Amino acid sequence: MYKGGREKIAFFENNTYLSKAGNSADAPELIRNIYNYFRNDMLFVGLNQQVNMPEWTENTQNIQKYQAYYLKWIQV
């Protein structure tokens, strides 16, 4: 029976977890590339940060299209 926090599932024969896949010698190159992509190329956006896309608000056709789509699902 497992005791403690979350149970970790090993992904490789030497019981390496996915969080260490990029450092594992027996991990396939594809797994290492995916791991390194998420580790190096992804940007973290915190809960208190704002994503600013001013060019999105300049396109009124897109705004109207999205507004019409979402109004179908919202009961006013």
N, C-alpha and C. Protein backbone atom coordinates (compact mmCIF):
# COMPACT_ATOMS: atom_id res chain seq x y z
N MET A 1 0.85 -1.18 0.00
CA MET A 1 0.00 0.00 0.00
C MET A 1 0.89 1.24 0.00
N TYR A 2 0.55 2.20 -0.83
CA TYR A 2 1.33 3.44 -0.94
C TYR A 2 0.94 4.40 0.17
N LYS A 3 1.93 4.97 0.82
CA LYS A 3 1.68 5.97 1.87
C LYS A 3 2.45 7.22 1.54
N GLY A 4 1.91 8.35 1.88
CA GLY A 4 2.60 9.61 1.64
C GLY A 4 1.80 10.49 0.70
N GLY A 5 2.51 11.35 -0.01
CA GLY A 5 1.86 12.29 -0.93
C GLY A 5 1.32 11.60 -2.16
N ARG A 6 1.55 12.20 -3.29
CA ARG A 6 1.07 11.61 -4.54
C ARG A 6 1.94 10.43 -4.94
N GLU A 7 1.29 9.41 -5.45
CA GLU A 7 2.04 8.26 -5.93
C GLU A 7 2.68 8.62 -7.27
N LYS A 8 3.96 8.30 -7.41
CA LYS A 8 4.67 8.58 -8.65
C LYS A 8 4.73 7.31 -9.48
N ILE A 9 4.56 7.46 -10.77
CA ILE A 9 4.59 6.32 -11.69
C ILE A 9 5.89 6.38 -12.46
N ALA A 10 6.64 5.29 -12.42
CA ALA A 10 7.91 5.25 -13.16
C ALA A 10 7.62 5.04 -14.65
N PHE A 11 8.39 5.74 -15.50
CA PHE A 11 8.19 5.64 -16.93
C PHE A 11 9.26 4.82 -17.63
N PHE A 12 10.34 4.52 -16.95
CA PHE A 12 11.44 3.81 -17.58
C PHE A 12 11.86 2.63 -16.70
N GLU A 13 12.65 1.74 -17.27
CA GLU A 13 13.02 0.50 -16.57
C GLU A 13 13.78 0.76 -15.27
N ASN A 14 14.55 1.82 -15.21
CA ASN A 14 15.32 2.09 -13.99
C ASN A 14 14.54 2.96 -13.00
N ASN A 15 13.20 2.94 -13.09
CA ASN A 15 12.29 3.67 -12.19
C ASN A 15 12.47 5.17 -12.24
N THR A 16 12.85 5.69 -13.39
CA THR A 16 12.97 7.13 -13.56
C THR A 16 11.58 7.72 -13.75
N TYR A 17 11.30 8.79 -13.04
CA TYR A 17 10.02 9.47 -13.18
C TYR A 17 10.07 10.44 -14.34
N LEU A 18 8.92 10.85 -14.83
CA LEU A 18 8.85 11.72 -15.99
C LEU A 18 9.56 13.05 -15.74
N SER A 19 9.53 13.54 -14.51
CA SER A 19 10.18 14.81 -14.20
C SER A 19 11.69 14.74 -14.37
N LYS A 20 12.25 13.55 -14.37
CA LYS A 20 13.70 13.38 -14.56
C LYS A 20 14.03 12.78 -15.92
N ALA A 21 13.05 12.67 -16.79
CA ALA A 21 13.27 12.00 -18.08
C ALA A 21 14.33 12.69 -18.91
N GLY A 22 14.45 13.99 -18.83
CA GLY A 22 15.44 14.70 -19.61
C GLY A 22 16.86 14.40 -19.18
N ASN A 23 17.04 13.92 -17.96
CA ASN A 23 18.37 13.61 -17.45
C ASN A 23 18.69 12.12 -17.47
N SER A 24 17.74 11.32 -17.91
CA SER A 24 17.93 9.88 -17.88
C SER A 24 18.65 9.40 -19.14
N ALA A 25 19.70 8.60 -18.94
CA ALA A 25 20.49 8.12 -20.08
C ALA A 25 19.71 7.14 -20.94
N ASP A 26 18.78 6.38 -20.34
CA ASP A 26 18.04 5.40 -21.13
C ASP A 26 16.74 5.94 -21.70
N ALA A 27 16.45 7.21 -21.50
CA ALA A 27 15.24 7.81 -22.06
C ALA A 27 15.42 8.01 -23.57
N PRO A 28 14.38 7.75 -24.35
CA PRO A 28 14.48 8.01 -25.79
C PRO A 28 14.73 9.50 -26.06
N GLU A 29 15.37 9.78 -27.16
CA GLU A 29 15.70 11.16 -27.50
C GLU A 29 14.44 12.02 -27.62
N LEU A 30 13.35 11.44 -28.12
CA LEU A 30 12.09 12.17 -28.24
C LEU A 30 11.61 12.66 -26.87
N ILE A 31 11.68 11.79 -25.86
CA ILE A 31 11.25 12.17 -24.51
C ILE A 31 12.14 13.28 -23.97
N ARG A 32 13.44 13.18 -24.18
CA ARG A 32 14.35 14.23 -23.71
C ARG A 32 14.06 15.55 -24.41
N ASN A 33 13.76 15.51 -25.71
CA ASN A 33 13.43 16.74 -26.45
C ASN A 33 12.15 17.37 -25.93
N ILE A 34 11.13 16.56 -25.67
CA ILE A 34 9.87 17.08 -25.14
C ILE A 34 10.09 17.68 -23.76
N TYR A 35 10.82 16.97 -22.92
CA TYR A 35 11.11 17.46 -21.57
C TYR A 35 11.85 18.79 -21.62
N ASN A 36 12.86 18.87 -22.47
CA ASN A 36 13.63 20.11 -22.57
C ASN A 36 12.81 21.25 -23.17
N TYR A 37 11.87 20.93 -24.05
CA TYR A 37 10.98 21.97 -24.58
C TYR A 37 10.17 22.59 -23.45
N PHE A 38 9.54 21.75 -22.64
CA PHE A 38 8.74 22.28 -21.54
C PHE A 38 9.60 22.97 -20.50
N ARG A 39 10.81 22.52 -20.33
CA ARG A 39 11.69 23.10 -19.33
C ARG A 39 12.28 24.44 -19.77
N ASN A 40 12.60 24.57 -21.04
CA ASN A 40 13.33 25.75 -21.52
C ASN A 40 12.51 26.72 -22.36
N ASP A 41 11.55 26.22 -23.12
CA ASP A 41 10.88 27.05 -24.12
C ASP A 41 9.49 27.52 -23.73
N MET A 42 8.98 27.10 -22.59
CA MET A 42 7.66 27.53 -22.16
C MET A 42 7.80 28.72 -21.21
N LEU A 43 6.89 29.65 -21.30
CA LEU A 43 6.88 30.81 -20.41
C LEU A 43 5.84 30.59 -19.33
N PHE A 44 6.21 30.88 -18.10
CA PHE A 44 5.29 30.76 -16.98
C PHE A 44 4.54 32.07 -16.80
N VAL A 45 3.23 31.99 -16.71
CA VAL A 45 2.39 33.16 -16.45
C VAL A 45 1.72 32.92 -15.11
N GLY A 46 2.05 33.76 -14.14
CA GLY A 46 1.48 33.63 -12.82
C GLY A 46 0.03 34.10 -12.76
N LEU A 47 -0.64 33.77 -11.67
CA LEU A 47 -2.05 34.13 -11.53
C LEU A 47 -2.25 35.64 -11.46
N ASN A 48 -1.27 36.36 -10.94
CA ASN A 48 -1.41 37.81 -10.79
C ASN A 48 -0.88 38.59 -11.98
N GLN A 49 -0.38 37.89 -12.99
CA GLN A 49 0.14 38.57 -14.17
C GLN A 49 -0.95 38.71 -15.22
N GLN A 50 -0.82 39.74 -16.04
CA GLN A 50 -1.78 39.97 -17.11
C GLN A 50 -1.10 39.73 -18.45
N VAL A 51 -1.84 39.10 -19.35
CA VAL A 51 -1.36 38.91 -20.71
C VAL A 51 -1.99 40.01 -21.54
N ASN A 52 -1.16 40.81 -22.16
CA ASN A 52 -1.65 41.97 -22.90
C ASN A 52 -1.49 41.72 -24.39
N MET A 53 -2.59 41.77 -25.12
CA MET A 53 -2.58 41.58 -26.56
C MET A 53 -3.33 42.73 -27.22
N PRO A 54 -2.73 43.89 -27.33
CA PRO A 54 -3.46 45.06 -27.84
C PRO A 54 -3.93 44.89 -29.28
N GLU A 55 -3.20 44.14 -30.11
CA GLU A 55 -3.63 43.99 -31.50
C GLU A 55 -4.93 43.20 -31.61
N TRP A 56 -5.26 42.37 -30.61
CA TRP A 56 -6.49 41.60 -30.65
C TRP A 56 -7.71 42.52 -30.57
N THR A 57 -7.63 43.57 -29.76
CA THR A 57 -8.77 44.46 -29.59
C THR A 57 -8.95 45.41 -30.76
N GLU A 58 -7.94 45.52 -31.61
CA GLU A 58 -8.06 46.41 -32.77
C GLU A 58 -8.85 45.78 -33.90
N ASN A 59 -9.00 44.48 -33.89
CA ASN A 59 -9.72 43.79 -34.95
C ASN A 59 -11.18 43.62 -34.53
N THR A 60 -12.04 44.53 -34.95
CA THR A 60 -13.44 44.51 -34.51
C THR A 60 -14.21 43.33 -35.08
N GLN A 61 -13.82 42.82 -36.23
CA GLN A 61 -14.51 41.65 -36.79
C GLN A 61 -14.32 40.43 -35.89
N ASN A 62 -13.11 40.24 -35.40
CA ASN A 62 -12.88 39.12 -34.49
C ASN A 62 -13.66 39.28 -33.20
N ILE A 63 -13.69 40.48 -32.67
CA ILE A 63 -14.43 40.72 -31.43
C ILE A 63 -15.90 40.40 -31.61
N GLN A 64 -16.49 40.84 -32.70
CA GLN A 64 -17.90 40.56 -32.95
C GLN A 64 -18.16 39.08 -33.17
N LYS A 65 -17.24 38.41 -33.84
CA LYS A 65 -17.39 36.97 -34.08
C LYS A 65 -17.35 36.20 -32.76
N TYR A 66 -16.38 36.52 -31.91
CA TYR A 66 -16.27 35.84 -30.62
C TYR A 66 -17.45 36.19 -29.71
N GLN A 67 -17.88 37.43 -29.76
CA GLN A 67 -19.01 37.85 -28.94
C GLN A 67 -20.27 37.08 -29.33
N ALA A 68 -20.53 36.95 -30.62
CA ALA A 68 -21.71 36.22 -31.09
C ALA A 68 -21.63 34.75 -30.68
N TYR A 69 -20.45 34.18 -30.76
CA TYR A 69 -20.28 32.77 -30.39
C TYR A 69 -20.56 32.56 -28.90
N TYR A 70 -20.00 33.40 -28.06
CA TYR A 70 -20.16 33.22 -26.62
C TYR A 70 -21.56 33.58 -26.13
N LEU A 71 -22.21 34.50 -26.81
CA LEU A 71 -23.57 34.86 -26.41
C LEU A 71 -24.54 33.71 -26.61
N LYS A 72 -24.22 32.78 -27.51
CA LYS A 72 -25.07 31.59 -27.70
C LYS A 72 -25.09 30.73 -26.44
N TRP A 73 -23.99 30.73 -25.70
CA TRP A 73 -23.83 29.84 -24.56
C TRP A 73 -24.16 30.52 -23.23
N ILE A 74 -24.30 31.82 -23.24
CA ILE A 74 -24.57 32.56 -22.01
C ILE A 74 -26.03 32.98 -22.00
N GLN A 75 -26.71 32.68 -20.94
CA GLN A 75 -28.09 33.12 -20.80
C GLN A 75 -28.09 34.46 -20.09
N VAL A 76 -28.59 35.47 -20.77
CA VAL A 76 -28.59 36.82 -20.21
C VAL A 76 -29.88 37.07 -19.47
